[in-house]
Amino acid sequence: MRRREFIAALGGAAMWPISVRAQQQNMPLIGFLHEGSTLGQGGGPAFHAGLKEFGLVEGQNVRIEYRWAEAQYDRLPALAAELVSLKPDVLVGTGSAAATALKKATASIPTVFLSVGDPVGQGLVESLSRPGGNITGLAVYVPGNFVAKLIETLREAVPHASKIAILINPGNQAHAHIVADELPRVAESMRLALPVVGARSSDDIELAFAAIAAHKPDAMLVFADTMLNRSRVAELTVEHRLPAAHMFRLFPNNGGLMSYGADVNDLFRRGGYFIDRILKGTKPADLPVQRPTKFELVINLKTAKALDIVVPPALLARADAVIE
């Protein structure tokens, strides 16, 4: 009797992993495409916290398949195709390039973008209020006067700046739209010289800074992009003694002077709302694109001292974080 009970128990133990796998297979599947190599210390916890707000926990009642482009944009189409082949219930893309790759890969699987520069200008959605198609999500950038606001903030720290170099990734569609549509108006209205220099890959960054140095700018603006959001870019701004601003706090965290822009972690958290609604049957076309509601100013005082910049007290008082 004991032997039969032992064998039955052993059989049950052997079946347990199979039943767990079967249970997991029945969970909704999220395909997650990221332009970088990790979600980072802030983005990852924020994304999962956003899911948890709606009772979605990875491994318990939802599965997530991740694909990482490691800042190599040419890999995105193949990675997007891989995720589409898994037939997920919803796709998620971080950044403009990832969202574009997913849109091209499928016109039927519901897709959510977490941080796209200008989703209308890039042709991802028909309008913010009525996205149309199978894609919607969260915009990271507010078109119109945001670049001007960022430059104004930089010039509070560097009042004499009349020539500000702009570092972009020419492969980023959002950058192309800003350079074509917004920068000329900003340059004219603020009476500034805004030379633009591009870097398409990490191998181009050193050459880009050499080109920037040739312009002899007073300061610098680095556009938000996975490939440009790296410590080496921040280091080079200090090496070239260029007071520089960025749209994300990762830049001053890595040693750059300052950042002003949307709280990206908040956007990642808010992605949970879209995923929950889609899993419950709402079509992306019926979910308006949301804009950032939280903005943050971060200043690196250590870098300011290294560049002999005295940050005005009024600017410091407005900062959400000061790195010393």
C-alpha atoms as a PDB file:
ATOM      1  CA  MET A   1       0.000   0.000   0.000  1.00  0.00           C
ATOM      2  CA  ARG A   2       2.745   2.381   0.942  1.00  0.00           C
ATOM      3  CA  ARG A   3       4.575   1.421  -2.230  1.00  0.00           C
ATOM      4  CA  ARG A   4       1.519   2.270  -4.357  1.00  0.00           C
ATOM      5  CA  GLU A   5       1.101   5.555  -2.510  1.00  0.00           C
ATOM      6  CA  PHE A   6       4.783   6.351  -3.066  1.00  0.00           C
ATOM      7  CA  ILE A   7       4.528   5.604  -6.790  1.00  0.00           C
ATOM      8  CA  ALA A   8       1.369   7.721  -7.092  1.00  0.00           C
ATOM      9  CA  ALA A   9       3.079  10.590  -5.307  1.00  0.00           C
ATOM     10  CA  LEU A  10       6.124  10.233  -7.538  1.00  0.00           C
ATOM     11  CA  GLY A  11       3.882  10.273 -10.607  1.00  0.00           C
ATOM     12  CA  GLY A  12       2.179  13.420  -9.378  1.00  0.00           C
ATOM     13  CA  ALA A  13       5.534  15.118  -8.842  1.00  0.00           C
ATOM     14  CA  ALA A  14       6.584  14.162 -12.349  1.00  0.00           C
ATOM     15  CA  MET A  15       3.393  15.646 -13.765  1.00  0.00           C
ATOM     16  CA  TRP A  16       3.687  18.936 -11.846  1.00  0.00           C
ATOM     17  CA  PRO A  17       6.145  20.698 -14.202  1.00  0.00           C
ATOM     18  CA  ILE A  18       4.016  19.667 -17.189  1.00  0.00           C
ATOM     19  CA  SER A  19       0.871  21.098 -15.583  1.00  0.00           C
ATOM     20  CA  VAL A  20       2.727  24.304 -14.749  1.00  0.00           C
ATOM     21  CA  ARG A  21       3.916  24.606 -18.328  1.00  0.00           C
ATOM     22  CA  ALA A  22       0.399  23.984 -19.598  1.00  0.00           C
ATOM     23  CA  GLN A  23      -0.934  26.653 -17.252  1.00  0.00           C
ATOM     24  CA  GLN A  24       1.685  29.116 -18.464  1.00  0.00           C
ATOM     25  CA  GLN A  25       0.838  28.352 -22.086  1.00  0.00           C
ATOM     26  CA  ASN A  26      -2.733  29.433 -21.370  1.00  0.00           C
ATOM     27  CA  MET A  27      -1.611  32.812 -20.013  1.00  0.00           C
ATOM     28  CA  PRO A  28      -1.878  35.892 -22.254  1.00  0.00           C
ATOM     29  CA  LEU A  29       1.412  36.525 -24.071  1.00  0.00           C
ATOM     30  CA  ILE A  30       3.067  39.948 -24.351  1.00  0.00           C
ATOM     31  CA  GLY A  31       5.796  40.396 -26.956  1.00  0.00           C
ATOM     32  CA  PHE A  32       8.215  43.087 -25.766  1.00  0.00           C
ATOM     33  CA  LEU A  33      10.640  44.760 -28.210  1.00  0.00           C
ATOM     34  CA  HIS A  34      13.260  47.058 -26.712  1.00  0.00           C
ATOM     35  CA  GLU A  35      15.743  49.184 -28.620  1.00  0.00           C
ATOM     36  CA  GLY A  36      18.403  48.764 -25.928  1.00  0.00           C
ATOM     37  CA  SER A  37      19.910  45.820 -24.079  1.00  0.00           C
ATOM     38  CA  THR A  38      18.001  46.024 -20.772  1.00  0.00           C
ATOM     39  CA  LEU A  39      15.053  47.886 -19.316  1.00  0.00           C
ATOM     40  CA  GLY A  40      17.305  49.567 -16.801  1.00  0.00           C
ATOM     41  CA  GLN A  41      16.910  50.066 -13.083  1.00  0.00           C
ATOM     42  CA  GLY A  42      13.949  52.407 -13.509  1.00  0.00           C
ATOM     43  CA  GLY A  43      12.145  51.287 -16.651  1.00  0.00           C
ATOM     44  CA  GLY A  44      11.874  47.602 -15.766  1.00  0.00           C
ATOM     45  CA  PRO A  45      10.395  48.021 -12.289  1.00  0.00           C
ATOM     46  CA  ALA A  46       8.120  50.807 -13.580  1.00  0.00           C
ATOM     47  CA  PHE A  47       6.766  48.635 -16.399  1.00  0.00           C
ATOM     48  CA  HIS A  48       6.067  45.708 -14.089  1.00  0.00           C
ATOM     49  CA  ALA A  49       4.572  48.031 -11.472  1.00  0.00           C
ATOM     50  CA  GLY A  50       2.218  49.348 -14.134  1.00  0.00           C
ATOM     51  CA  LEU A  51       1.132  45.829 -15.004  1.00  0.00           C
ATOM     52  CA  LYS A  52       0.650  45.001 -11.337  1.00  0.00           C
ATOM     53  CA  GLU A  53      -1.720  47.951 -10.910  1.00  0.00           C
ATOM     54  CA  PHE A  54      -4.112  45.970 -13.098  1.00  0.00           C
ATOM     55  CA  GLY A  55      -3.412  42.601 -11.495  1.00  0.00           C
ATOM     56  CA  LEU A  56      -0.988  41.431 -14.192  1.00  0.00           C
ATOM     57  CA  VAL A  57       2.104  39.656 -12.842  1.00  0.00           C
ATOM     58  CA  GLU A  58       4.698  38.059 -15.097  1.00  0.00           C
ATOM     59  CA  GLY A  59       4.814  34.303 -14.576  1.00  0.00           C
ATOM     60  CA  GLN A  60       1.575  34.228 -12.593  1.00  0.00           C
ATOM     61  CA  ASN A  61      -1.103  35.317 -15.028  1.00  0.00           C
ATOM     62  CA  VAL A  62       0.792  36.761 -17.995  1.00  0.00           C
ATOM     63  CA  ARG A  63       3.824  35.714 -20.026  1.00  0.00           C
ATOM     64  CA  ILE A  64       6.345  38.112 -21.575  1.00  0.00           C
ATOM     65  CA  GLU A  65       8.751  37.349 -24.420  1.00  0.00           C
ATOM     66  CA  TYR A  66      11.575  39.907 -24.618  1.00  0.00           C
ATOM     67  CA  ARG A  67      13.725  40.860 -27.597  1.00  0.00           C
ATOM     68  CA  TRP A  68      16.660  43.292 -27.273  1.00  0.00           C
ATOM     69  CA  ALA A  69      18.100  45.247 -30.227  1.00  0.00           C
ATOM     70  CA  GLU A  70      21.116  46.447 -28.184  1.00  0.00           C
ATOM     71  CA  ALA A  71      20.941  49.872 -29.904  1.00  0.00           C
ATOM     72  CA  GLN A  72      21.427  48.251 -33.329  1.00  0.00           C
ATOM     73  CA  TYR A  73      18.383  49.488 -35.196  1.00  0.00           C
ATOM     74  CA  ASP A  74      18.999  47.262 -38.211  1.00  0.00           C
ATOM     75  CA  ARG A  75      18.147  44.287 -35.976  1.00  0.00           C
ATOM     76  CA  LEU A  76      14.669  45.561 -35.134  1.00  0.00           C
ATOM     77  CA  PRO A  77      12.769  44.242 -38.206  1.00  0.00           C
ATOM     78  CA  ALA A  78      13.982  40.658 -37.636  1.00  0.00           C
ATOM     79  CA  LEU A  79      13.273  40.835 -33.908  1.00  0.00           C
ATOM     80  CA  ALA A  80       9.805  42.228 -34.580  1.00  0.00           C
ATOM     81  CA  ALA A  81       9.140  39.383 -37.012  1.00  0.00           C
ATOM     82  CA  GLU A  82      10.233  36.875 -34.355  1.00  0.00           C
ATOM     83  CA  LEU A  83       7.750  38.266 -31.867  1.00  0.00           C
ATOM     84  CA  VAL A  84       4.943  38.363 -34.410  1.00  0.00           C
ATOM     85  CA  SER A  85       5.577  34.688 -35.229  1.00  0.00           C
ATOM     86  CA  LEU A  86       4.829  33.841 -31.578  1.00  0.00           C
ATOM     87  CA  LYS A  87       1.287  35.186 -32.079  1.00  0.00           C
ATOM     88  CA  PRO A  88       1.200  37.244 -28.869  1.00  0.00           C
ATOM     89  CA  ASP A  89      -1.961  38.811 -27.524  1.00  0.00           C
ATOM     90  CA  VAL A  90      -0.311  42.228 -27.504  1.00  0.00           C
ATOM     91  CA  LEU A  91       2.998  43.682 -28.644  1.00  0.00           C
ATOM     92  CA  VAL A  92       4.943  46.393 -26.811  1.00  0.00           C
ATOM     93  CA  GLY A  93       7.675  48.577 -28.296  1.00  0.00           C
ATOM     94  CA  THR A  94       9.962  51.042 -26.552  1.00  0.00           C
ATOM     95  CA  GLY A  95      10.989  53.995 -28.679  1.00  0.00           C
ATOM     96  CA  SER A  96      10.177  55.219 -32.167  1.00  0.00           C
ATOM     97  CA  ALA A  97      12.313  52.723 -34.079  1.00  0.00           C
ATOM     98  CA  ALA A  98      10.911  49.711 -32.223  1.00  0.00           C
ATOM     99  CA  ALA A  99       7.342  50.929 -32.677  1.00  0.00           C
ATOM    100  CA  THR A 100       7.913  51.465 -36.393  1.00  0.00           C
ATOM    101  CA  ALA A 101       9.370  47.955 -36.761  1.00  0.00           C
ATOM    102  CA  LEU A 102       6.339  46.431 -35.033  1.00  0.00           C
ATOM    103  CA  LYS A 103       3.893  48.447 -37.136  1.00  0.00           C
ATOM    104  CA  LYS A 104       5.578  47.206 -40.312  1.00  0.00           C
ATOM    105  CA  ALA A 105       5.629  43.622 -39.007  1.00  0.00           C
ATOM    106  CA  THR A 106       1.884  43.328 -38.331  1.00  0.00           C
ATOM    107  CA  ALA A 107      -1.321  45.157 -39.102  1.00  0.00           C
ATOM    108  CA  SER A 108      -3.472  42.920 -36.904  1.00  0.00           C
ATOM    109  CA  ILE A 109      -1.807  42.210 -33.546  1.00  0.00           C
ATOM    110  CA  PRO A 110      -2.613  44.989 -31.024  1.00  0.00           C
ATOM    111  CA  THR A 111       0.515  47.043 -30.362  1.00  0.00           C
ATOM    112  CA  VAL A 112       1.433  49.520 -27.625  1.00  0.00           C
ATOM    113  CA  PHE A 113       4.355  51.948 -27.788  1.00  0.00           C
ATOM    114  CA  LEU A 114       5.739  53.294 -24.515  1.00  0.00           C
ATOM    115  CA  SER A 115       7.865  56.272 -25.538  1.00  0.00           C
ATOM    116  CA  VAL A 116       7.561  57.560 -29.099  1.00  0.00           C
ATOM    117  CA  GLY A 117       8.662  61.043 -30.071  1.00  0.00           C
ATOM    118  CA  ASP A 118       5.949  62.137 -32.518  1.00  0.00           C
ATOM    119  CA  PRO A 119       3.578  59.242 -33.314  1.00  0.00           C
ATOM    120  CA  VAL A 120       1.483  61.337 -35.726  1.00  0.00           C
ATOM    121  CA  GLY A 121       4.433  62.859 -37.574  1.00  0.00           C
ATOM    122  CA  GLN A 122       6.049  59.449 -37.886  1.00  0.00           C
ATOM    123  CA  GLY A 123       2.932  57.939 -39.360  1.00  0.00           C
ATOM    124  CA  LEU A 124       2.291  55.487 -36.539  1.00  0.00           C
ATOM    125  CA  VAL A 125      -1.194  56.796 -35.799  1.00  0.00           C
ATOM    126  CA  GLU A 126      -3.724  58.930 -37.658  1.00  0.00           C
ATOM    127  CA  SER A 127      -4.186  61.298 -34.731  1.00  0.00           C
ATOM    128  CA  LEU A 128      -3.630  61.284 -30.977  1.00  0.00           C
ATOM    129  CA  SER A 129      -7.348  61.158 -30.195  1.00  0.00           C
ATOM    130  CA  ARG A 130      -8.213  58.582 -32.894  1.00  0.00           C
ATOM    131  CA  PRO A 131      -5.143  56.411 -33.537  1.00  0.00           C
ATOM    132  CA  GLY A 132      -6.782  54.117 -36.088  1.00  0.00           C
ATOM    133  CA  GLY A 133      -5.187  50.805 -37.000  1.00  0.00           C
ATOM    134  CA  ASN A 134      -3.710  48.397 -34.490  1.00  0.00           C
ATOM    135  CA  ILE A 135      -1.288  50.645 -32.592  1.00  0.00           C
ATOM    136  CA  THR A 136      -1.492  53.221 -29.793  1.00  0.00           C
ATOM    137  CA  GLY A 137       0.424  54.153 -26.663  1.00  0.00           C
ATOM    138  CA  LEU A 138       2.359  56.935 -24.978  1.00  0.00           C
ATOM    139  CA  ALA A 139       4.185  59.849 -26.583  1.00  0.00           C
ATOM    140  CA  VAL A 140       7.393  60.987 -24.900  1.00  0.00           C
ATOM    141  CA  TYR A 141       7.678  64.292 -26.701  1.00  0.00           C
ATOM    142  CA  VAL A 142       5.340  67.260 -27.002  1.00  0.00           C
ATOM    143  CA  PRO A 143       5.739  68.773 -30.491  1.00  0.00           C
ATOM    144  CA  GLY A 144       5.586  72.519 -30.953  1.00  0.00           C
ATOM    145  CA  ASN A 145       7.836  74.282 -28.469  1.00  0.00           C
ATOM    146  CA  PHE A 146       9.508  71.616 -26.359  1.00  0.00           C
ATOM    147  CA  VAL A 147      12.950  72.014 -27.955  1.00  0.00           C
ATOM    148  CA  ALA A 148      12.702  75.743 -27.324  1.00  0.00           C
ATOM    149  CA  LYS A 149      11.841  75.062 -23.680  1.00  0.00           C
ATOM    150  CA  LEU A 150      14.815  72.732 -23.331  1.00  0.00           C
ATOM    151  CA  ILE A 151      17.156  75.291 -24.894  1.00  0.00           C
ATOM    152  CA  GLU A 152      15.764  78.040 -22.642  1.00  0.00           C
ATOM    153  CA  THR A 153      16.492  75.855 -19.618  1.00  0.00           C
ATOM    154  CA  LEU A 154      20.036  75.177 -20.827  1.00  0.00           C
ATOM    155  CA  ARG A 155      20.620  78.884 -21.410  1.00  0.00           C
ATOM    156  CA  GLU A 156      19.606  79.660 -17.848  1.00  0.00           C
ATOM    157  CA  ALA A 157      22.752  77.769 -16.869  1.00  0.00           C
ATOM    158  CA  VAL A 158      24.773  79.119 -19.828  1.00  0.00           C
ATOM    159  CA  PRO A 159      23.358  82.618 -20.548  1.00  0.00           C
ATOM    160  CA  HIS A 160      26.037  83.529 -23.111  1.00  0.00           C
ATOM    161  CA  ALA A 161      25.284  80.558 -25.394  1.00  0.00           C
ATOM    162  CA  SER A 162      24.427  81.779 -28.903  1.00  0.00           C
ATOM    163  CA  LYS A 163      25.586  78.699 -30.824  1.00  0.00           C
ATOM    164  CA  ILE A 164      24.266  75.369 -29.591  1.00  0.00           C
ATOM    165  CA  ALA A 165      25.263  72.171 -31.375  1.00  0.00           C
ATOM    166  CA  ILE A 166      22.564  69.520 -31.822  1.00  0.00           C
ATOM    167  CA  LEU A 167      23.563  65.842 -31.749  1.00  0.00           C
ATOM    168  CA  ILE A 168      21.029  63.540 -33.430  1.00  0.00           C
ATOM    169  CA  ASN A 169      20.725  60.026 -34.782  1.00  0.00           C
ATOM    170  CA  PRO A 170      19.786  60.462 -38.485  1.00  0.00           C
ATOM    171  CA  GLY A 171      18.222  57.003 -38.388  1.00  0.00           C
ATOM    172  CA  ASN A 172      15.670  58.165 -35.810  1.00  0.00           C
ATOM    173  CA  GLN A 173      12.557  59.432 -37.618  1.00  0.00           C
ATOM    174  CA  ALA A 174      11.550  61.593 -34.678  1.00  0.00           C
ATOM    175  CA  HIS A 175      14.866  63.454 -34.901  1.00  0.00           C
ATOM    176  CA  ALA A 176      14.373  64.040 -38.628  1.00  0.00           C
ATOM    177  CA  HIS A 177      10.941  65.574 -38.029  1.00  0.00           C
ATOM    178  CA  ILE A 178      12.210  67.877 -35.283  1.00  0.00           C
ATOM    179  CA  VAL A 179      15.198  69.015 -37.344  1.00  0.00           C
ATOM    180  CA  ALA A 180      13.021  69.720 -40.379  1.00  0.00           C
ATOM    181  CA  ASP A 181       9.957  71.220 -38.718  1.00  0.00           C
ATOM    182  CA  GLU A 182      10.914  72.656 -35.366  1.00  0.00           C
ATOM    183  CA  LEU A 183      14.595  73.645 -35.298  1.00  0.00           C
ATOM    184  CA  PRO A 184      14.357  76.320 -38.032  1.00  0.00           C
ATOM    185  CA  ARG A 185      11.571  78.089 -36.111  1.00  0.00           C
ATOM    186  CA  VAL A 186      13.521  77.842 -32.846  1.00  0.00           C
ATOM    187  CA  ALA A 187      16.711  79.165 -34.436  1.00  0.00           C
ATOM    188  CA  GLU A 188      14.870  82.139 -35.928  1.00  0.00           C
ATOM    189  CA  SER A 189      12.729  83.022 -32.916  1.00  0.00           C
ATOM    190  CA  MET A 190      15.585  82.698 -30.415  1.00  0.00           C
ATOM    191  CA  ARG A 191      18.234  84.111 -32.773  1.00  0.00           C
ATOM    192  CA  LEU A 192      20.527  81.152 -32.307  1.00  0.00           C
ATOM    193  CA  ALA A 193      22.877  79.151 -34.478  1.00  0.00           C
ATOM    194  CA  LEU A 194      21.942  75.475 -34.170  1.00  0.00           C
ATOM    195  CA  PRO A 195      24.383  73.340 -36.177  1.00  0.00           C
ATOM    196  CA  VAL A 196      23.221  69.720 -36.443  1.00  0.00           C
ATOM    197  CA  VAL A 197      25.615  66.767 -36.353  1.00  0.00           C
ATOM    198  CA  GLY A 198      24.567  63.143 -36.714  1.00  0.00           C
ATOM    199  CA  ALA A 199      25.795  59.792 -35.385  1.00  0.00           C
ATOM    200  CA  ARG A 200      24.099  56.669 -36.778  1.00  0.00           C
ATOM    201  CA  SER A 201      25.947  54.173 -34.580  1.00  0.00           C
ATOM    202  CA  SER A 202      28.173  54.059 -31.515  1.00  0.00           C
ATOM    203  CA  ASP A 203      31.169  53.932 -33.867  1.00  0.00           C
ATOM    204  CA  ASP A 204      30.234  57.397 -35.166  1.00  0.00           C
ATOM    205  CA  ILE A 205      30.108  59.152 -31.805  1.00  0.00           C
ATOM    206  CA  GLU A 206      33.786  60.121 -31.571  1.00  0.00           C
ATOM    207  CA  LEU A 207      33.720  61.480 -35.149  1.00  0.00           C
ATOM    208  CA  ALA A 208      30.518  63.353 -34.396  1.00  0.00           C
ATOM    209  CA  PHE A 209      32.161  65.149 -31.485  1.00  0.00           C
ATOM    210  CA  ALA A 210      35.105  66.071 -33.680  1.00  0.00           C
ATOM    211  CA  ALA A 211      32.648  67.633 -36.126  1.00  0.00           C
ATOM    212  CA  ILE A 212      30.870  69.405 -33.285  1.00  0.00           C
ATOM    213  CA  ALA A 213      34.168  70.824 -32.019  1.00  0.00           C
ATOM    214  CA  ALA A 214      34.822  72.272 -35.465  1.00  0.00           C
ATOM    215  CA  HIS A 215      31.656  74.373 -35.108  1.00  0.00           C
ATOM    216  CA  LYS A 216      33.020  75.833 -31.840  1.00  0.00           C
ATOM    217  CA  PRO A 217      29.635  75.864 -30.070  1.00  0.00           C
ATOM    218  CA  ASP A 218      28.975  77.415 -26.678  1.00  0.00           C
ATOM    219  CA  ALA A 219      26.795  74.511 -25.566  1.00  0.00           C
ATOM    220  CA  MET A 220      25.189  71.344 -26.823  1.00  0.00           C
ATOM    221  CA  LEU A 221      21.840  69.567 -26.967  1.00  0.00           C
ATOM    222  CA  VAL A 222      21.712  65.759 -27.236  1.00  0.00           C
ATOM    223  CA  PHE A 223      18.464  64.382 -28.658  1.00  0.00           C
ATOM    224  CA  ALA A 224      16.867  61.412 -26.925  1.00  0.00           C
ATOM    225  CA  ASP A 225      17.772  58.123 -28.586  1.00  0.00           C
ATOM    226  CA  THR A 226      18.729  54.676 -27.317  1.00  0.00           C
ATOM    227  CA  MET A 227      22.025  54.771 -29.193  1.00  0.00           C
ATOM    228  CA  LEU A 228      22.879  58.231 -27.837  1.00  0.00           C
ATOM    229  CA  ASN A 229      21.691  57.506 -24.280  1.00  0.00           C
ATOM    230  CA  ARG A 230      25.060  56.196 -23.168  1.00  0.00           C
ATOM    231  CA  SER A 231      27.740  57.232 -20.731  1.00  0.00           C
ATOM    232  CA  ARG A 232      30.350  57.850 -23.449  1.00  0.00           C
ATOM    233  CA  VAL A 233      28.274  60.699 -24.899  1.00  0.00           C
ATOM    234  CA  ALA A 234      28.060  62.359 -21.487  1.00  0.00           C
ATOM    235  CA  GLU A 235      31.802  61.855 -20.942  1.00  0.00           C
ATOM    236  CA  LEU A 236      32.651  63.459 -24.282  1.00  0.00           C
ATOM    237  CA  THR A 237      30.579  66.556 -23.528  1.00  0.00           C
ATOM    238  CA  VAL A 238      32.732  67.102 -20.437  1.00  0.00           C
ATOM    239  CA  GLU A 239      35.984  66.257 -22.241  1.00  0.00           C
ATOM    240  CA  HIS A 240      35.104  68.872 -24.877  1.00  0.00           C
ATOM    241  CA  ARG A 241      34.019  71.246 -22.099  1.00  0.00           C
ATOM    242  CA  LEU A 242      30.546  71.571 -23.549  1.00  0.00           C
ATOM    243  CA  PRO A 243      27.642  72.347 -21.232  1.00  0.00           C
ATOM    244  CA  ALA A 244      25.053  69.907 -22.553  1.00  0.00           C
ATOM    245  CA  ALA A 245      21.396  69.134 -22.019  1.00  0.00           C
ATOM    246  CA  HIS A 246      19.363  66.030 -22.782  1.00  0.00           C
ATOM    247  CA  MET A 247      15.717  65.034 -22.542  1.00  0.00           C
ATOM    248  CA  PHE A 248      16.228  62.100 -20.146  1.00  0.00           C
ATOM    249  CA  ARG A 249      17.770  61.983 -16.663  1.00  0.00           C
ATOM    250  CA  LEU A 250      20.045  59.091 -17.695  1.00  0.00           C
ATOM    251  CA  PHE A 251      22.283  61.786 -19.212  1.00  0.00           C
ATOM    252  CA  PRO A 252      23.113  63.717 -16.007  1.00  0.00           C
ATOM    253  CA  ASN A 253      23.179  60.391 -14.154  1.00  0.00           C
ATOM    254  CA  ASN A 254      26.020  59.421 -16.513  1.00  0.00           C
ATOM    255  CA  GLY A 255      27.877  62.694 -16.010  1.00  0.00           C
ATOM    256  CA  GLY A 256      26.189  65.142 -18.383  1.00  0.00           C
ATOM    257  CA  LEU A 257      25.249  68.603 -17.137  1.00  0.00           C
ATOM    258  CA  MET A 258      21.463  68.494 -17.139  1.00  0.00           C
ATOM    259  CA  SER A 259      18.228  67.072 -18.510  1.00  0.00           C
ATOM    260  CA  TYR A 260      14.696  68.297 -18.858  1.00  0.00           C
ATOM    261  CA  GLY A 261      11.941  66.134 -20.241  1.00  0.00           C
ATOM    262  CA  ALA A 262       9.266  63.572 -19.653  1.00  0.00           C
ATOM    263  CA  ASP A 263       9.576  61.132 -16.784  1.00  0.00           C
ATOM    264  CA  VAL A 264      10.123  58.001 -18.881  1.00  0.00           C
ATOM    265  CA  ASN A 265       9.600  55.663 -15.943  1.00  0.00           C
ATOM    266  CA  ASP A 266       6.132  57.135 -15.547  1.00  0.00           C
ATOM    267  CA  LEU A 267       5.403  56.394 -19.218  1.00  0.00           C
ATOM    268  CA  PHE A 268       6.560  52.795 -18.781  1.00  0.00           C
ATOM    269  CA  ARG A 269       4.292  52.451 -15.746  1.00  0.00           C
ATOM    270  CA  ARG A 270       1.299  53.870 -17.613  1.00  0.00           C
ATOM    271  CA  GLY A 271       1.769  51.250 -20.317  1.00  0.00           C
ATOM    272  CA  GLY A 272      -0.014  48.817 -18.006  1.00  0.00           C
ATOM    273  CA  TYR A 273      -3.295  50.624 -18.639  1.00  0.00           C
ATOM    274  CA  PHE A 274      -3.134  50.036 -22.386  1.00  0.00           C
ATOM    275  CA  ILE A 275      -2.112  46.396 -22.021  1.00  0.00           C
ATOM    276  CA  ASP A 276      -4.914  45.695 -19.552  1.00  0.00           C
ATOM    277  CA  ARG A 277      -7.546  47.334 -21.746  1.00  0.00           C
ATOM    278  CA  ILE A 278      -6.378  45.455 -24.841  1.00  0.00           C
ATOM    279  CA  LEU A 279      -6.310  42.112 -23.047  1.00  0.00           C
ATOM    280  CA  LYS A 280      -9.899  42.816 -21.992  1.00  0.00           C
ATOM    281  CA  GLY A 281     -10.943  43.347 -25.592  1.00  0.00           C
ATOM    282  CA  THR A 282     -10.565  47.061 -26.329  1.00  0.00           C
ATOM    283  CA  LYS A 283      -9.129  47.827 -29.756  1.00  0.00           C
ATOM    284  CA  PRO A 284      -6.038  50.084 -29.976  1.00  0.00           C
ATOM    285  CA  ALA A 285      -7.970  52.307 -32.387  1.00  0.00           C
ATOM    286  CA  ASP A 286     -10.334  53.127 -29.501  1.00  0.00           C
ATOM    287  CA  LEU A 287      -7.549  54.024 -27.055  1.00  0.00           C
ATOM    288  CA  PRO A 288      -6.273  57.602 -27.585  1.00  0.00           C
ATOM    289  CA  VAL A 289      -2.532  58.191 -27.470  1.00  0.00           C
ATOM    290  CA  GLN A 290      -1.522  59.751 -24.152  1.00  0.00           C
ATOM    291  CA  ARG A 291       1.077  62.465 -23.687  1.00  0.00           C
ATOM    292  CA  PRO A 292       3.512  62.815 -20.793  1.00  0.00           C
ATOM    293  CA  THR A 293       2.085  64.387 -17.666  1.00  0.00           C
ATOM    294  CA  LYS A 294       5.207  64.309 -15.502  1.00  0.00           C
ATOM    295  CA  PHE A 295       8.331  66.246 -16.435  1.00  0.00           C
ATOM    296  CA  GLU A 296      11.577  66.413 -14.522  1.00  0.00           C
ATOM    297  CA  LEU A 297      14.586  68.709 -14.383  1.00  0.00           C
ATOM    298  CA  VAL A 298      17.829  67.060 -13.254  1.00  0.00           C
ATOM    299  CA  ILE A 299      21.119  68.923 -12.761  1.00  0.00           C
ATOM    300  CA  ASN A 300      24.560  67.457 -12.162  1.00  0.00           C
ATOM    301  CA  LEU A 301      26.358  69.978  -9.929  1.00  0.00           C
ATOM    302  CA  LYS A 302      29.595  67.987 -10.006  1.00  0.00           C
ATOM    303  CA  THR A 303      29.703  68.401 -13.781  1.00  0.00           C
ATOM    304  CA  ALA A 304      28.766  72.073 -13.497  1.00  0.00           C
ATOM    305  CA  LYS A 305      31.759  72.647 -11.223  1.00  0.00           C
ATOM    306  CA  ALA A 306      34.038  70.746 -13.613  1.00  0.00           C
ATOM    307  CA  LEU A 307      32.872  73.065 -16.412  1.00  0.00           C
ATOM    308  CA  ASP A 308      33.208  76.190 -14.223  1.00  0.00           C
ATOM    309  CA  ILE A 309      29.475  76.852 -14.448  1.00  0.00           C
ATOM    310  CA  VAL A 310      27.625  78.517 -11.605  1.00  0.00           C
ATOM    311  CA  VAL A 311      24.061  77.239 -11.773  1.00  0.00           C
ATOM    312  CA  PRO A 312      21.622  80.024 -10.819  1.00  0.00           C
ATOM    313  CA  PRO A 313      19.830  79.384  -7.498  1.00  0.00           C
ATOM    314  CA  ALA A 314      16.454  79.836  -9.201  1.00  0.00           C
ATOM    315  CA  LEU A 315      17.241  76.993 -11.603  1.00  0.00           C
ATOM    316  CA  LEU A 316      18.467  74.775  -8.792  1.00  0.00           C
ATOM    317  CA  ALA A 317      15.290  75.480  -6.843  1.00  0.00           C
ATOM    318  CA  ARG A 318      13.190  74.197  -9.733  1.00  0.00           C
ATOM    319  CA  ALA A 319      15.218  70.992 -10.113  1.00  0.00           C
ATOM    320  CA  ASP A 320      13.526  67.691  -9.275  1.00  0.00           C
ATOM    321  CA  ALA A 321      16.928  66.151  -8.563  1.00  0.00           C
ATOM    322  CA  VAL A 322      20.416  67.578  -8.026  1.00  0.00           C
ATOM    323  CA  ILE A 323      23.431  65.308  -8.369  1.00  0.00           C
ATOM    324  CA  GLU A 324      26.344  66.391  -6.158  1.00  0.00           C
END
